[in-house]
Amino acid sequence: MLLNLNDPDSIVAWWTVLLDRHDAYLSHQVRVSPELAPAINEARRRIAAYPELTRTLELSNARRLQHEAAMASQNDSHSSLQLRRQELATAA
């Protein structure tokens, strides 16, 4: 799928594919490329106009928060040495 960040229709179609990550990416793009903000904001307005899309985003955000909580809980159960080994293993 090709994404045109100047086209709200393209953004909406792309956003629906992997919305939790894509929503965060759009927020990042607005910060680093303010010239894209009008198209991104229009796409967000369109997304907000469709209850099924906003419901899907809410479910996705809930899953992300559950995952983050599970990871935090898992990290709490590891020693600092184990955490450092994990960090080094994932950085390699």
Protein backbone atom coordinates (compact mmCIF):
# COMPACT_ATOMS: atom_id res chain seq x y z
CA MET A 1 0.00 0.00 0.00
CA LEU A 2 1.29 3.42 -0.90
CA LEU A 3 0.77 6.30 1.49
CA ASN A 4 0.41 9.90 0.40
CA LEU A 5 0.60 12.07 3.52
CA ASN A 6 -0.87 14.97 1.55
CA ASP A 7 -4.07 13.04 0.75
CA PRO A 8 -6.60 12.47 3.57
CA ASP A 9 -8.22 9.54 1.68
CA SER A 10 -4.85 7.81 1.41
CA ILE A 11 -4.15 8.43 5.10
CA VAL A 12 -7.51 7.00 6.20
CA ALA A 13 -7.08 3.86 4.05
CA TRP A 14 -3.54 3.34 5.35
CA TRP A 15 -4.50 4.09 8.97
CA THR A 16 -7.10 1.31 9.05
CA VAL A 17 -4.49 -1.37 8.31
CA LEU A 18 -2.47 -1.15 11.54
CA LEU A 19 -4.11 1.71 13.35
CA ASP A 20 -2.36 1.64 16.71
CA ARG A 21 1.06 2.05 15.14
CA HIS A 22 -0.17 4.25 12.35
CA ASP A 23 -1.91 6.62 14.73
CA ALA A 24 1.34 7.10 16.64
CA TYR A 25 3.21 7.61 13.36
CA LEU A 26 0.77 10.31 12.27
CA SER A 27 1.25 12.11 15.58
CA HIS A 28 4.99 11.97 15.01
CA GLN A 29 4.64 13.29 11.46
CA VAL A 30 2.58 16.26 12.60
CA ARG A 31 5.37 17.15 15.06
CA VAL A 32 8.28 16.79 12.63
CA SER A 33 6.53 17.92 9.43
CA PRO A 34 3.94 20.57 10.26
CA GLU A 35 3.19 21.06 6.57
CA LEU A 36 1.45 17.67 6.64
CA ALA A 37 -0.84 18.69 9.51
CA PRO A 38 -3.79 19.88 7.37
CA ALA A 39 -4.12 16.55 5.53
CA ILE A 40 -3.49 14.49 8.68
CA ASN A 41 -6.00 16.52 10.69
CA GLU A 42 -8.60 16.13 7.93
CA ALA A 43 -7.99 12.37 7.93
CA ARG A 44 -8.41 12.31 11.72
CA ARG A 45 -11.65 14.28 11.38
CA ARG A 46 -12.93 11.70 8.90
CA ILE A 47 -11.89 8.83 11.14
CA ALA A 48 -13.68 10.44 14.09
CA ALA A 49 -16.83 10.74 11.96
CA TYR A 50 -17.06 6.94 11.63
CA PRO A 51 -18.02 5.28 14.92
CA GLU A 52 -16.74 1.87 13.79
CA LEU A 53 -13.27 3.33 13.17
CA THR A 54 -13.14 5.10 16.51
CA ARG A 55 -14.35 1.93 18.26
CA THR A 56 -11.59 -0.02 16.52
CA LEU A 57 -9.02 2.54 17.64
CA GLU A 58 -10.29 2.35 21.22
CA LEU A 59 -9.93 -1.44 21.17
CA SER A 60 -6.47 -1.15 19.69
CA ASN A 61 -5.42 1.37 22.35
CA ALA A 62 -6.81 -0.90 25.06
CA ARG A 63 -4.76 -3.84 23.67
CA ARG A 64 -1.65 -1.63 23.56
CA LEU A 65 -2.16 -0.52 27.17
CA GLN A 66 -2.66 -4.14 28.28
CA HIS A 67 0.54 -5.12 26.50
CA GLU A 68 2.47 -2.25 28.08
CA ALA A 69 1.13 -3.18 31.52
CA ALA A 70 2.11 -6.82 31.01
CA MET A 71 5.60 -5.79 29.92
CA ALA A 72 5.97 -3.48 32.94
CA SER A 73 4.84 -6.29 35.23
CA GLN A 74 7.27 -8.69 33.59
CA ASN A 75 10.08 -6.17 33.93
CA ASP A 76 9.27 -5.68 37.61
CA SER A 77 9.74 -9.40 38.18
CA HIS A 78 13.21 -9.43 36.59
CA SER A 79 16.38 -8.43 38.34
CA SER A 80 18.29 -5.43 37.02
CA LEU A 81 20.93 -7.82 35.67
CA GLN A 82 18.31 -9.78 33.73
CA LEU A 83 16.87 -6.55 32.34
CA ARG A 84 20.32 -5.38 31.22
CA ARG A 85 20.93 -8.72 29.48
CA GLN A 86 17.55 -8.38 27.73
CA GLU A 87 18.40 -4.85 26.60
CA LEU A 88 21.76 -5.96 25.24
CA ALA A 89 20.21 -8.96 23.48
CA THR A 90 17.57 -6.86 21.75
CA ALA A 91 20.08 -4.16 20.79
CA ALA A 92 22.30 -6.66 18.99
